[in-house]
Protein backbone atom coordinates (compact mmCIF):
# COMPACT_ATOMS: atom_id res chain seq x y z
CA MET A 1 -9.51 -10.73 -8.00
CA THR A 2 -8.36 -11.03 -4.55
CA SER A 3 -6.32 -14.28 -3.38
CA PRO A 4 -7.65 -16.18 -0.28
CA GLY A 5 -4.09 -15.30 1.19
CA ALA A 6 -4.78 -11.40 0.80
CA ALA A 7 -8.27 -11.60 1.86
CA GLU A 8 -7.26 -13.66 5.43
CA THR A 9 -4.26 -11.42 5.65
CA ALA A 10 -6.86 -8.33 5.20
CA GLN A 11 -8.95 -9.54 8.17
CA ARG A 12 -5.47 -9.48 10.14
CA VAL A 13 -4.86 -6.04 8.99
CA HIS A 14 -8.12 -4.86 9.92
CA ALA A 15 -8.12 -6.67 13.42
CA ALA A 16 -4.63 -4.93 14.13
CA LEU A 17 -5.79 -1.76 12.89
CA LEU A 18 -8.90 -1.70 14.86
CA ALA A 19 -7.19 -3.02 18.28
CA ARG A 20 -4.64 0.14 18.15
CA GLY A 21 -7.45 2.61 16.88
CA GLU A 22 -5.78 3.45 13.67
CA THR A 23 -6.72 3.79 9.95
CA VAL A 24 -5.12 3.23 6.46
CA ALA A 25 -5.52 4.98 3.12
CA ALA A 26 -3.99 3.88 -0.05
CA ALA A 27 -2.62 5.24 -3.31
CA GLU A 28 -2.46 2.63 -5.96
CA SER A 29 -1.49 2.26 -9.62
CA LEU A 30 -0.86 -0.82 -11.00
CA THR A 31 -3.36 -2.42 -8.56
CA ALA A 32 -6.05 0.24 -9.38
CA GLY A 33 -8.12 -0.27 -6.02
CA LEU A 34 -7.76 -3.82 -5.65
CA PHE A 35 -5.72 -3.14 -1.84
CA CYS A 36 -8.61 -0.94 -0.91
CA ALA A 37 -11.43 -3.27 -2.61
CA THR A 38 -9.62 -6.47 -0.49
CA LEU A 39 -9.68 -4.39 2.90
CA ALA A 40 -13.13 -3.13 2.53
CA GLY A 41 -14.29 -7.13 1.85
CA VAL A 42 -13.75 -7.57 5.48
CA PRO A 43 -16.80 -6.88 7.53
CA GLY A 44 -16.33 -3.69 9.48
CA ALA A 45 -13.89 -2.48 7.51
CA SER A 46 -15.23 1.41 7.53
CA ALA A 47 -13.61 1.46 10.64
CA THR A 48 -10.28 1.12 9.49
CA LEU A 49 -10.18 2.10 5.86
CA ARG A 50 -10.32 5.60 5.40
CA GLY A 51 -10.18 5.58 1.61
CA GLY A 52 -7.65 5.96 -1.20
CA ALA A 53 -7.39 7.09 -4.77
CA VAL A 54 -6.80 5.06 -8.05
CA VAL A 55 -3.85 6.92 -9.56
CA TYR A 56 -2.93 4.96 -13.00
CA ALA A 57 -2.48 8.01 -14.55
CA THR A 58 0.91 9.74 -14.25
CA ASP A 59 -0.85 13.18 -13.64
CA LEU A 60 -3.23 11.80 -11.16
CA LYS A 61 -0.41 10.69 -8.65
CA THR A 62 0.28 14.36 -8.54
CA THR A 63 -3.66 15.60 -8.55
CA LEU A 64 -4.73 12.90 -6.11
CA ALA A 65 -1.97 12.08 -3.99
CA GLY A 66 0.34 14.90 -4.02
CA VAL A 67 3.36 13.45 -5.67
CA ALA A 68 5.36 16.89 -6.63
CA PRO A 69 5.60 16.67 -10.66
CA GLU A 70 9.28 17.36 -10.36
CA LEU A 71 9.85 14.28 -8.58
CA LEU A 72 7.89 12.61 -11.17
CA ALA A 73 9.82 14.11 -13.85
CA ALA A 74 13.25 12.97 -12.62
CA SER A 75 12.19 9.58 -11.06
CA GLY A 76 9.41 8.46 -13.12
CA PRO A 77 5.99 6.77 -11.96
CA VAL A 78 7.68 3.56 -11.38
CA SER A 79 9.99 3.99 -8.68
CA GLU A 80 11.17 3.82 -5.08
CA ARG A 81 10.79 7.65 -4.65
CA THR A 82 7.48 7.96 -6.29
CA ALA A 83 6.16 5.02 -3.95
CA ALA A 84 7.15 6.53 -0.82
CA ALA A 85 5.39 9.69 -1.83
CA LEU A 86 2.11 8.13 -2.70
CA ALA A 87 2.59 6.27 0.74
CA GLU A 88 2.96 9.97 2.26
CA GLY A 89 0.57 12.04 0.38
CA ILE A 90 -2.47 9.70 0.75
CA ARG A 91 -1.78 9.26 4.18
CA SER A 92 -1.79 13.16 4.49
CA ARG A 93 -4.66 13.59 2.36
CA CYS A 94 -7.11 11.02 4.10
CA ALA A 95 -6.00 11.97 7.62
CA ALA A 96 -5.17 8.45 8.14
CA THR A 97 -2.71 6.92 10.58
CA TRP A 98 -1.00 4.74 7.38
CA GLY A 99 -0.43 5.30 4.22
CA VAL A 100 0.06 2.56 1.51
CA GLY A 101 1.73 3.37 -2.08
CA ILE A 102 1.80 0.92 -4.73
CA THR A 103 3.12 1.48 -8.22
CA GLY A 104 5.05 -0.85 -10.70
CA VAL A 105 4.55 -2.68 -14.13
CA ALA A 106 2.10 -5.45 -14.55
CA GLY A 107 2.77 -6.34 -17.96
CA PRO A 108 3.18 -7.64 -20.52
CA ASP A 109 5.10 -4.87 -21.60
CA PRO A 110 8.23 -2.87 -19.67
CA VAL A 111 7.54 0.87 -18.44
CA ASP A 112 10.76 2.85 -18.56
CA GLU A 113 13.59 0.59 -17.59
CA HIS A 114 11.37 -1.49 -15.67
CA GLY A 115 9.93 -5.16 -16.52
CA PRO A 116 6.63 -6.73 -15.73
CA GLY A 117 6.84 -7.74 -12.16
CA ARG A 118 8.72 -4.61 -10.91
CA VAL A 119 6.58 -3.50 -7.88
CA TYR A 120 7.39 -0.39 -5.68
CA LEU A 121 5.47 -0.46 -2.17
CA GLY A 122 5.55 2.39 0.35
CA LEU A 123 4.41 2.34 3.65
CA SER A 124 4.10 5.44 5.84
CA ASP A 125 3.34 6.09 9.46
CA GLY A 126 3.83 9.65 9.08
CA LEU A 127 7.20 9.44 10.90
CA VAL A 128 9.04 6.79 8.93
CA THR A 129 8.43 5.71 5.36
CA VAL A 130 9.65 2.39 4.00
CA VAL A 131 9.83 1.20 0.50
CA HIS A 132 9.77 -2.51 -0.63
CA GLU A 133 11.12 -3.21 -4.33
CA LEU A 134 9.32 -6.53 -5.71
CA ASP A 135 9.97 -8.57 -8.47
CA LEU A 136 6.45 -10.59 -8.68
CA PRO A 137 6.03 -13.69 -11.07
CA GLY A 138 3.07 -14.39 -13.49
CA ASP A 139 0.91 -12.46 -15.59
CA ARG A 140 -0.78 -9.11 -15.05
CA ALA A 141 -3.49 -10.79 -12.69
CA ALA A 142 -0.76 -12.54 -10.91
CA VAL A 143 1.25 -9.46 -10.26
CA ARG A 144 -1.65 -7.53 -9.19
CA ALA A 145 -2.83 -10.17 -6.63
CA GLY A 146 0.99 -10.39 -5.68
CA ALA A 147 1.31 -6.80 -4.93
CA VAL A 148 -1.84 -6.58 -2.80
CA GLN A 149 -0.96 -9.35 -0.93
CA GLU A 150 2.41 -8.22 -0.45
CA ALA A 151 1.01 -4.58 0.76
CA MET A 152 -1.31 -6.49 3.34
CA ALA A 153 1.53 -8.79 4.49
CA ARG A 154 4.12 -5.66 4.88
CA LEU A 155 1.76 -3.38 6.28
CA LEU A 156 0.80 -6.30 9.01
CA GLY A 157 4.60 -6.67 9.78
CA ARG A 158 5.01 -2.89 10.31
CA LEU A 159 1.85 -2.85 12.55
CA ALA A 160 3.69 -5.64 14.42
CA GLU A 161 6.74 -3.78 15.00
CA HIS A 162 5.15 -0.87 16.98
CA ALA A 163 3.78 -1.46 20.46
CA LEU A 164 0.05 -0.64 20.99
CA PRO A 165 0.14 2.42 23.42
CA GLY A 166 0.32 1.60 26.89
CA LYS A 167 1.85 -2.05 26.22
CA ALA A 168 5.26 -2.97 26.29
CA GLU A 169 7.01 -3.45 23.27
CA GLY A 170 6.09 -6.77 21.65
CA SER A 171 3.22 -7.26 23.62
CA GLU A 172 0.62 -6.24 20.61
CA GLY A 173 -0.27 -10.02 20.17
CA VAL A 174 -0.13 -9.29 16.21
CA THR A 175 1.96 -11.72 14.06
CA PRO A 176 2.91 -11.22 10.23
């Protein structure tokens, strides 16, 4: 279920992307499509949401998002490197300006050495990929909703950091 905060932030993300003529795609593991569904809830989202992939199963991280099997074997499905590769892979495969990769543990049980609430969020613009490590509180639903809220907010922040083409730095009018 989408939180009111995530829905409001999704509207702001859509407006910022639309103003820039840019698009986004997401590879989602623990959120299982909730990021894309939240953005798709914004009227006119087809202008900015290219698509995405639910990569809940580890092998689909390779098949659908292009994560190297060697990376998964070395780092595991829940890792900083995997989140980065998800963001980069889905951005490329969907021909989007921005890629979002979300992987983590919703709980109730740990995965590998990661406890419930550990989330890695990758954001890629094709030149720079950043990964945020998060520890989110709550049950499965709260962790998943929190991951979507964080992904929307962090993407909005990245959009605010980059000036619109033809405008001076800081004049884009987008605030995180």
